[in-house]
PDB file of N, CA and C in Angstrom:
ATOM      1  N   MET A   1      24.637 -37.396  26.031  1.00  0.00           N
ATOM      2  CA  MET A   1      24.150 -37.099  24.450  1.00  0.00           C
ATOM      3  C   MET A   1      23.556 -36.761  23.979  1.00  0.00           C
ATOM      4  N   LYS A   2      23.199 -38.174  24.140  1.00  0.00           N
ATOM      5  CA  LYS A   2      21.524 -38.782  23.600  1.00  0.00           C
ATOM      6  C   LYS A   2      20.432 -38.328  23.834  1.00  0.00           C
ATOM      7  N   GLN A   3      20.333 -37.420  25.268  1.00  0.00           N
ATOM      8  CA  GLN A   3      19.655 -37.120  25.286  1.00  0.00           C
ATOM      9  C   GLN A   3      19.316 -35.791  24.689  1.00  0.00           C
ATOM     10  N   LEU A   4      20.510 -35.458  24.952  1.00  0.00           N
ATOM     11  CA  LEU A   4      20.556 -33.375  24.102  1.00  0.00           C
ATOM     12  C   LEU A   4      20.378 -33.796  22.194  1.00  0.00           C
ATOM     13  N   SER A   5      20.815 -34.650  21.627  1.00  0.00           N
ATOM     14  CA  SER A   5      20.306 -35.507  20.171  1.00  0.00           C
ATOM     15  C   SER A   5      19.105 -35.369  20.189  1.00  0.00           C
ATOM     16  N   GLY A   6      18.425 -35.989  21.398  1.00  0.00           N
ATOM     17  CA  GLY A   6      16.866 -36.437  21.050  1.00  0.00           C
ATOM     18  C   GLY A   6      16.256 -34.583  21.518  1.00  0.00           C
ATOM     19  N   LYS A   7      17.050 -34.283  22.202  1.00  0.00           N
ATOM     20  CA  LYS A   7      16.032 -32.734  22.506  1.00  0.00           C
ATOM     21  C   LYS A   7      16.181 -31.727  21.044  1.00  0.00           C
ATOM     22  N   ILE A   8      17.229 -31.954  20.178  1.00  0.00           N
ATOM     23  CA  ILE A   8      17.954 -31.265  19.340  1.00  0.00           C
ATOM     24  C   ILE A   8      16.963 -31.731  17.976  1.00  0.00           C
ATOM     25  N   ALA A   9      16.538 -32.986  18.075  1.00  0.00           N
ATOM     26  CA  ALA A   9      15.764 -33.037  17.052  1.00  0.00           C
ATOM     27  C   ALA A   9      14.125 -32.577  17.072  1.00  0.00           C
ATOM     28  N   GLU A  10      14.229 -33.025  18.875  1.00  0.00           N
ATOM     29  CA  GLU A  10      12.420 -32.142  18.814  1.00  0.00           C
ATOM     30  C   GLU A  10      12.473 -30.935  18.614  1.00  0.00           C
ATOM     31  N   LEU A  11      12.880 -30.354  19.325  1.00  0.00           N
ATOM     32  CA  LEU A  11      13.468 -28.915  18.478  1.00  0.00           C
ATOM     33  C   LEU A  11      13.325 -28.817  16.825  1.00  0.00           C
ATOM     34  N   ARG A  12      14.208 -29.434  16.450  1.00  0.00           N
ATOM     35  CA  ARG A  12      13.879 -28.924  14.661  1.00  0.00           C
ATOM     36  C   ARG A  12      12.806 -28.948  14.224  1.00  0.00           C
ATOM     37  N   GLY A  13      12.149 -30.746  14.575  1.00  0.00           N
ATOM     38  CA  GLY A  13      10.602 -30.882  14.658  1.00  0.00           C
ATOM     39  C   GLY A  13       9.857 -29.494  14.526  1.00  0.00           C
ATOM     40  N   GLU A  14       9.896 -29.364  16.019  1.00  0.00           N
ATOM     41  CA  GLU A  14       8.922 -27.882  16.002  1.00  0.00           C
ATOM     42  C   GLU A  14       9.182 -26.579  15.591  1.00  0.00           C
ATOM     43  N   LEU A  15      10.396 -26.375  15.141  1.00  0.00           N
ATOM     44  CA  LEU A  15      10.248 -25.414  14.318  1.00  0.00           C
ATOM     45  C   LEU A  15       9.719 -25.359  13.154  1.00  0.00           C
ATOM     46  N   GLU A  16      10.129 -26.381  12.792  1.00  0.00           N
ATOM     47  CA  GLU A  16       9.357 -26.896  11.063  1.00  0.00           C
ATOM     48  C   GLU A  16       8.111 -26.762  11.095  1.00  0.00           C
ATOM     49  N   SER A  17       7.857 -27.402  12.415  1.00  0.00           N
ATOM     50  CA  SER A  17       6.027 -27.211  11.856  1.00  0.00           C
ATOM     51  C   SER A  17       5.835 -26.035  12.202  1.00  0.00           C
ATOM     52  N   PHE A  18       6.463 -25.088  13.205  1.00  0.00           N
ATOM     53  CA  PHE A  18       5.974 -23.832  13.117  1.00  0.00           C
ATOM     54  C   PHE A  18       5.959 -23.320  12.440  1.00  0.00           C
ATOM     55  N   SER A  19       7.278 -23.180  11.407  1.00  0.00           N
ATOM     56  CA  SER A  19       7.538 -22.572   9.855  1.00  0.00           C
ATOM     57  C   SER A  19       6.121 -22.979   8.657  1.00  0.00           C
ATOM     58  N   THR A  20       6.110 -24.045   8.700  1.00  0.00           N
ATOM     59  CA  THR A  20       5.131 -24.662   8.059  1.00  0.00           C
ATOM     60  C   THR A  20       3.485 -23.828   8.724  1.00  0.00           C
ATOM     61  N   GLY A  21       3.134 -23.602   9.443  1.00  0.00           N
ATOM     62  CA  GLY A  21       2.130 -23.474  10.475  1.00  0.00           C
ATOM     63  C   GLY A  21       1.730 -21.905   9.804  1.00  0.00           C
ATOM     64  N   VAL A  22       3.614 -21.331   9.665  1.00  0.00           N
ATOM     65  CA  VAL A  22       3.639 -19.369   9.562  1.00  0.00           C
ATOM     66  C   VAL A  22       3.037 -19.265   8.708  1.00  0.00           C
ATOM     67  N   VAL A  23       3.873 -20.042   7.366  1.00  0.00           N
ATOM     68  CA  VAL A  23       3.287 -20.298   5.479  1.00  0.00           C
ATOM     69  C   VAL A  23       2.098 -20.163   5.696  1.00  0.00           C
ATOM     70  N   ALA A  24       1.184 -21.321   5.817  1.00  0.00           N
ATOM     71  CA  ALA A  24       0.027 -21.126   5.037  1.00  0.00           C
ATOM     72  C   ALA A  24      -0.775 -20.393   6.098  1.00  0.00           C
ATOM     73  N   ARG A  25      -0.456 -19.750   7.386  1.00  0.00           N
ATOM     74  CA  ARG A  25      -1.112 -19.078   7.244  1.00  0.00           C
ATOM     75  C   ARG A  25      -1.409 -17.492   6.708  1.00  0.00           C
ATOM     76  N   LEU A  26       0.059 -16.871   6.442  1.00  0.00           N
ATOM     77  CA  LEU A  26       0.141 -15.599   6.324  1.00  0.00           C
ATOM     78  C   LEU A  26       0.521 -15.613   4.243  1.00  0.00           C
ATOM     79  N   LYS A  27       0.782 -16.800   4.266  1.00  0.00           N
ATOM     80  CA  LYS A  27      -0.087 -16.545   2.377  1.00  0.00           C
ATOM     81  C   LYS A  27      -1.207 -16.359   1.793  1.00  0.00           C
ATOM     82  N   PRO A  28      -2.492 -17.037   2.476  1.00  0.00           N
ATOM     83  CA  PRO A  28      -3.756 -16.121   2.010  1.00  0.00           C
ATOM     84  C   PRO A  28      -3.781 -14.422   2.408  1.00  0.00           C
ATOM     85  N   ILE A  29      -3.362 -14.305   3.762  1.00  0.00           N
ATOM     86  CA  ILE A  29      -3.566 -12.734   4.181  1.00  0.00           C
ATOM     87  C   ILE A  29      -2.403 -11.912   2.679  1.00  0.00           C
ATOM     88  N   ARG A  30      -1.627 -12.396   2.270  1.00  0.00           N
ATOM     89  CA  ARG A  30      -0.449 -11.982   1.797  1.00  0.00           C
ATOM     90  C   ARG A  30      -1.336 -11.829   0.315  1.00  0.00           C
ATOM     91  N   THR A  31      -1.824 -12.960   0.238  1.00  0.00           N
ATOM     92  CA  THR A  31      -2.879 -13.253  -1.350  1.00  0.00           C
ATOM     93  C   THR A  31      -4.133 -11.172  -1.080  1.00  0.00           C
ATOM     94  N   GLU A  32      -4.715 -11.540   0.036  1.00  0.00           N
ATOM     95  CA  GLU A  32      -6.139 -10.908   0.081  1.00  0.00           C
ATOM     96  C   GLU A  32      -5.355  -9.344   0.395  1.00  0.00           C
ATOM     97  N   ALA A  33      -3.829  -9.476   0.354  1.00  0.00           N
ATOM     98  CA  ALA A  33      -2.999  -7.750   0.975  1.00  0.00           C
ATOM     99  C   ALA A  33      -2.872  -7.348  -0.731  1.00  0.00           C
ATOM    100  N   GLU A  34      -2.686  -8.371  -1.486  1.00  0.00           N
ATOM    101  CA  GLU A  34      -2.467  -7.951  -2.556  1.00  0.00           C
ATOM    102  C   GLU A  34      -3.575  -7.626  -3.496  1.00  0.00           C
ATOM    103  N   ALA A  35      -4.268  -8.627  -2.958  1.00  0.00           N
ATOM    104  CA  ALA A  35      -5.565  -8.312  -4.100  1.00  0.00           C
ATOM    105  C   ALA A  35      -5.809  -6.878  -4.018  1.00  0.00           C
ATOM    106  N   LEU A  36      -6.588  -5.801  -2.055  1.00  0.00           N
ATOM    107  CA  LEU A  36      -6.554  -4.438  -1.569  1.00  0.00           C
ATOM    108  C   LEU A  36      -5.513  -4.396  -2.340  1.00  0.00           C
ATOM    109  N   THR A  37      -4.412  -4.912  -2.526  1.00  0.00           N
ATOM    110  CA  THR A  37      -3.925  -3.620  -3.234  1.00  0.00           C
ATOM    111  C   THR A  37      -4.056  -2.574  -4.318  1.00  0.00           C
ATOM    112  N   GLY A  38      -4.462  -3.891  -5.331  1.00  0.00           N
ATOM    113  CA  GLY A  38      -4.396  -4.191  -6.656  1.00  0.00           C
ATOM    114  C   GLY A  38      -5.855  -3.210  -6.842  1.00  0.00           C
ATOM    115  N   LYS A  39      -7.133  -3.258  -6.129  1.00  0.00           N
ATOM    116  CA  LYS A  39      -8.359  -2.494  -5.882  1.00  0.00           C
ATOM    117  C   LYS A  39      -7.822  -1.097  -5.513  1.00  0.00           C
ATOM    118  N   LEU A  40      -7.150  -0.745  -5.030  1.00  0.00           N
ATOM    119  CA  LEU A  40      -6.713   0.551  -4.295  1.00  0.00           C
ATOM    120  C   LEU A  40      -5.965   1.438  -5.797  1.00  0.00           C
ATOM    121  N   GLU A  41      -4.970   1.084  -6.019  1.00  0.00           N
ATOM    122  CA  GLU A  41      -4.534   1.788  -7.810  1.00  0.00           C
ATOM    123  C   GLU A  41      -5.807   2.221  -8.356  1.00  0.00           C
ATOM    124  N   ALA A  42      -6.364   1.224  -8.764  1.00  0.00           N
ATOM    125  CA  ALA A  42      -7.447   1.004  -9.636  1.00  0.00           C
ATOM    126  C   ALA A  42      -8.296   2.595  -9.236  1.00  0.00           C
ATOM    127  N   ALA A  43      -9.038   2.253  -7.358  1.00  0.00           N
ATOM    128  CA  ALA A  43      -9.861   3.394  -7.428  1.00  0.00           C
ATOM    129  C   ALA A  43      -8.925   4.899  -7.239  1.00  0.00           C
ATOM    130  N   ILE A  44      -7.930   4.959  -6.958  1.00  0.00           N
ATOM    131  CA  ILE A  44      -7.186   6.263  -7.058  1.00  0.00           C
ATOM    132  C   ILE A  44      -6.532   6.538  -8.916  1.00  0.00           C
ATOM    133  N   GLY A  45      -6.701   5.379  -9.786  1.00  0.00           N
ATOM    134  CA  GLY A  45      -6.976   5.658 -10.667  1.00  0.00           C
ATOM    135  C   GLY A  45      -7.630   6.433 -11.237  1.00  0.00           C
ATOM    136  N   SER A  46      -8.323   6.003 -11.055  1.00  0.00           N
ATOM    137  CA  SER A  46     -10.094   6.643 -11.656  1.00  0.00           C
ATOM    138  C   SER A  46     -10.213   7.501 -11.247  1.00  0.00           C
ATOM    139  N   LEU A  47     -10.357   8.329  -9.985  1.00  0.00           N
ATOM    140  CA  LEU A  47     -10.151   9.153  -9.496  1.00  0.00           C
ATOM    141  C   LEU A  47      -9.119  10.547 -10.219  1.00  0.00           C
ATOM    142  N   ARG A  48      -7.886   9.771 -10.490  1.00  0.00           N
ATOM    143  CA  ARG A  48      -6.705  11.031 -11.564  1.00  0.00           C
ATOM    144  C   ARG A  48      -7.737  11.783 -11.901  1.00  0.00           C
ATOM    145  N   PRO A  49      -8.276  11.692 -13.022  1.00  0.00           N
ATOM    146  CA  PRO A  49      -8.685  12.577 -13.683  1.00  0.00           C
ATOM    147  C   PRO A  49      -9.575  13.360 -13.245  1.00  0.00           C
ATOM    148  N   GLU A  50      -9.927  13.603 -12.135  1.00  0.00           N
ATOM    149  CA  GLU A  50     -11.109  13.611 -11.978  1.00  0.00           C
ATOM    150  C   GLU A  50     -10.001  15.557 -11.169  1.00  0.00           C
ATOM    151  N   VAL A  51      -9.161  14.819 -10.535  1.00  0.00           N
ATOM    152  CA  VAL A  51      -8.281  15.741  -9.689  1.00  0.00           C
ATOM    153  C   VAL A  51      -7.621  16.506 -10.275  1.00  0.00           C
ATOM    154  N   ASP A  52      -7.435  15.822 -11.727  1.00  0.00           N
ATOM    155  CA  ASP A  52      -6.022  16.892 -12.824  1.00  0.00           C
ATOM    156  C   ASP A  52      -7.266  17.695 -13.182  1.00  0.00           C
ATOM    157  N   ALA A  53      -8.205  17.186 -13.117  1.00  0.00           N
ATOM    158  CA  ALA A  53      -9.374  18.638 -13.709  1.00  0.00           C
ATOM    159  C   ALA A  53      -9.594  19.493 -13.083  1.00  0.00           C
ATOM    160  N   PHE A  54     -10.165  18.889 -11.912  1.00  0.00           N
ATOM    161  CA  PHE A  54      -9.975  19.906 -10.792  1.00  0.00           C
ATOM    162  C   PHE A  54      -8.984  21.218 -10.790  1.00  0.00           C
ATOM    163  N   GLY A  55      -7.660  20.414 -10.390  1.00  0.00           N
ATOM    164  CA  GLY A  55      -7.589  20.963 -10.457  1.00  0.00           C
ATOM    165  C   GLY A  55      -6.332  21.945 -11.918  1.00  0.00           C
ATOM    166  N   GLY A  56      -6.627  21.740 -13.148  1.00  0.00           N
ATOM    167  CA  GLY A  56      -6.646  22.578 -13.267  1.00  0.00           C
ATOM    168  C   GLY A  56      -7.741  23.984 -14.095  1.00  0.00           C
ATOM    169  N   GLU A  57      -8.907  23.588 -13.265  1.00  0.00           N
ATOM    170  CA  GLU A  57      -9.989  24.835 -12.997  1.00  0.00           C
ATOM    171  C   GLU A  57      -9.294  25.092 -11.865  1.00  0.00           C
ATOM    172  N   LEU A  58      -9.239  25.182 -10.898  1.00  0.00           N
ATOM    173  CA  LEU A  58      -8.343  26.458  -9.738  1.00  0.00           C
ATOM    174  C   LEU A  58      -7.217  26.661 -10.453  1.00  0.00           C
ATOM    175  N   SER A  59      -5.928  26.100 -11.361  1.00  0.00           N
ATOM    176  CA  SER A  59      -4.853  27.468 -11.419  1.00  0.00           C
ATOM    177  C   SER A  59      -5.783  28.074 -12.709  1.00  0.00           C
ATOM    178  N   LYS A  60      -6.385  28.083 -13.410  1.00  0.00           N
ATOM    179  CA  LYS A  60      -6.845  28.774 -14.049  1.00  0.00           C
ATOM    180  C   LYS A  60      -7.436  30.044 -13.467  1.00  0.00           C
ATOM    181  N   GLN A  61      -8.405  29.566 -12.603  1.00  0.00           N
ATOM    182  CA  GLN A  61      -9.118  30.156 -11.299  1.00  0.00           C
ATOM    183  C   GLN A  61      -8.548  30.861 -10.864  1.00  0.00           C
ATOM    184  N   ILE A  62      -6.441  31.007 -10.125  1.00  0.00           N
ATOM    185  CA  ILE A  62      -5.559  31.623  -9.725  1.00  0.00           C
ATOM    186  C   ILE A  62      -5.145  32.645 -10.807  1.00  0.00           C
ATOM    187  N   ASP A  63      -4.831  32.185 -11.530  1.00  0.00           N
ATOM    188  CA  ASP A  63      -4.370  33.185 -12.763  1.00  0.00           C
ATOM    189  C   ASP A  63      -5.432  33.934 -13.332  1.00  0.00           C
ATOM    190  N   ALA A  64      -7.243  33.991 -13.004  1.00  0.00           N
ATOM    191  CA  ALA A  64      -7.011  34.868 -13.083  1.00  0.00           C
ATOM    192  C   ALA A  64      -7.386  35.782 -12.640  1.00  0.00           C
ATOM    193  N   LEU A  65      -7.506  35.702 -10.823  1.00  0.00           N
ATOM    194  CA  LEU A  65      -7.567  36.201 -10.133  1.00  0.00           C
ATOM    195  C   LEU A  65      -5.531  37.356  -9.785  1.00  0.00           C
ATOM    196  N   ASP A  66      -5.046  36.236 -10.137  1.00  0.00           N
ATOM    197  CA  ASP A  66      -3.457  37.258 -10.599  1.00  0.00           C
ATOM    198  C   ASP A  66      -3.009  38.094 -11.130  1.00  0.00           C
ATOM    199  N   ALA A  67      -3.963  38.012 -12.515  1.00  0.00           N
ATOM    200  CA  ALA A  67      -4.706  39.025 -13.447  1.00  0.00           C
ATOM    201  C   ALA A  67      -4.819  40.448 -12.615  1.00  0.00           C
ATOM    202  N   GLU A  68      -6.388  40.105 -12.221  1.00  0.00           N
ATOM    203  CA  GLU A  68      -6.730  41.143 -12.102  1.00  0.00           C
ATOM    204  C   GLU A  68      -5.741  41.483 -10.688  1.00  0.00           C
ATOM    205  N   LEU A  69      -5.353  41.512  -9.932  1.00  0.00           N
ATOM    206  CA  LEU A  69      -4.567  41.530  -8.619  1.00  0.00           C
ATOM    207  C   LEU A  69      -3.963  42.234  -9.785  1.00  0.00           C
ATOM    208  N   ALA A  70      -3.077  42.043 -10.762  1.00  0.00           N
ATOM    209  CA  ALA A  70      -1.825  43.117 -11.730  1.00  0.00           C
ATOM    210  C   ALA A  70      -2.487  44.603 -11.915  1.00  0.00           C
ATOM    211  N   GLU A  71      -3.866  44.193 -12.584  1.00  0.00           N
ATOM    212  CA  GLU A  71      -4.273  45.576 -12.811  1.00  0.00           C
ATOM    213  C   GLU A  71      -4.572  46.157 -11.624  1.00  0.00           C
ATOM    214  N   MET A  72      -4.967  46.181 -10.030  1.00  0.00           N
ATOM    215  CA  MET A  72      -5.095  46.801  -9.724  1.00  0.00           C
ATOM    216  C   MET A  72      -3.806  48.060  -9.224  1.00  0.00           C
ATOM    217  N   GLU A  73      -2.608  46.888  -9.188  1.00  0.00           N
ATOM    218  CA  GLU A  73      -1.141  48.252  -8.517  1.00  0.00           C
ATOM    219  C   GLU A  73      -1.404  49.067  -9.801  1.00  0.00           C
ATOM    220  N   PRO A  74      -0.880  49.540  -8.906  1.00  0.00           N
ATOM    221  CA  PRO A  74      -0.542  51.271  -9.866  1.00  0.00           C
ATOM    222  C   PRO A  74       1.038  51.168 -10.490  1.00  0.00           C
TER     223      PRO A  74
END
């Protein structure tokens, strides 16, 4: 019984050590991922006006072509 209690204490210590190590390694990775996510959101946000303008122009061209086709129909 004493050996079993000792082994449990040893395993508990290893688990706590492992947990501490994992947290220490994951925290900087998470921070970096959050920073990259912010940069990605900013980049996409800066592209949005260009995409919206392009989409608007493309929509106008499609509408103009639709109007031309409608005039050609008997």
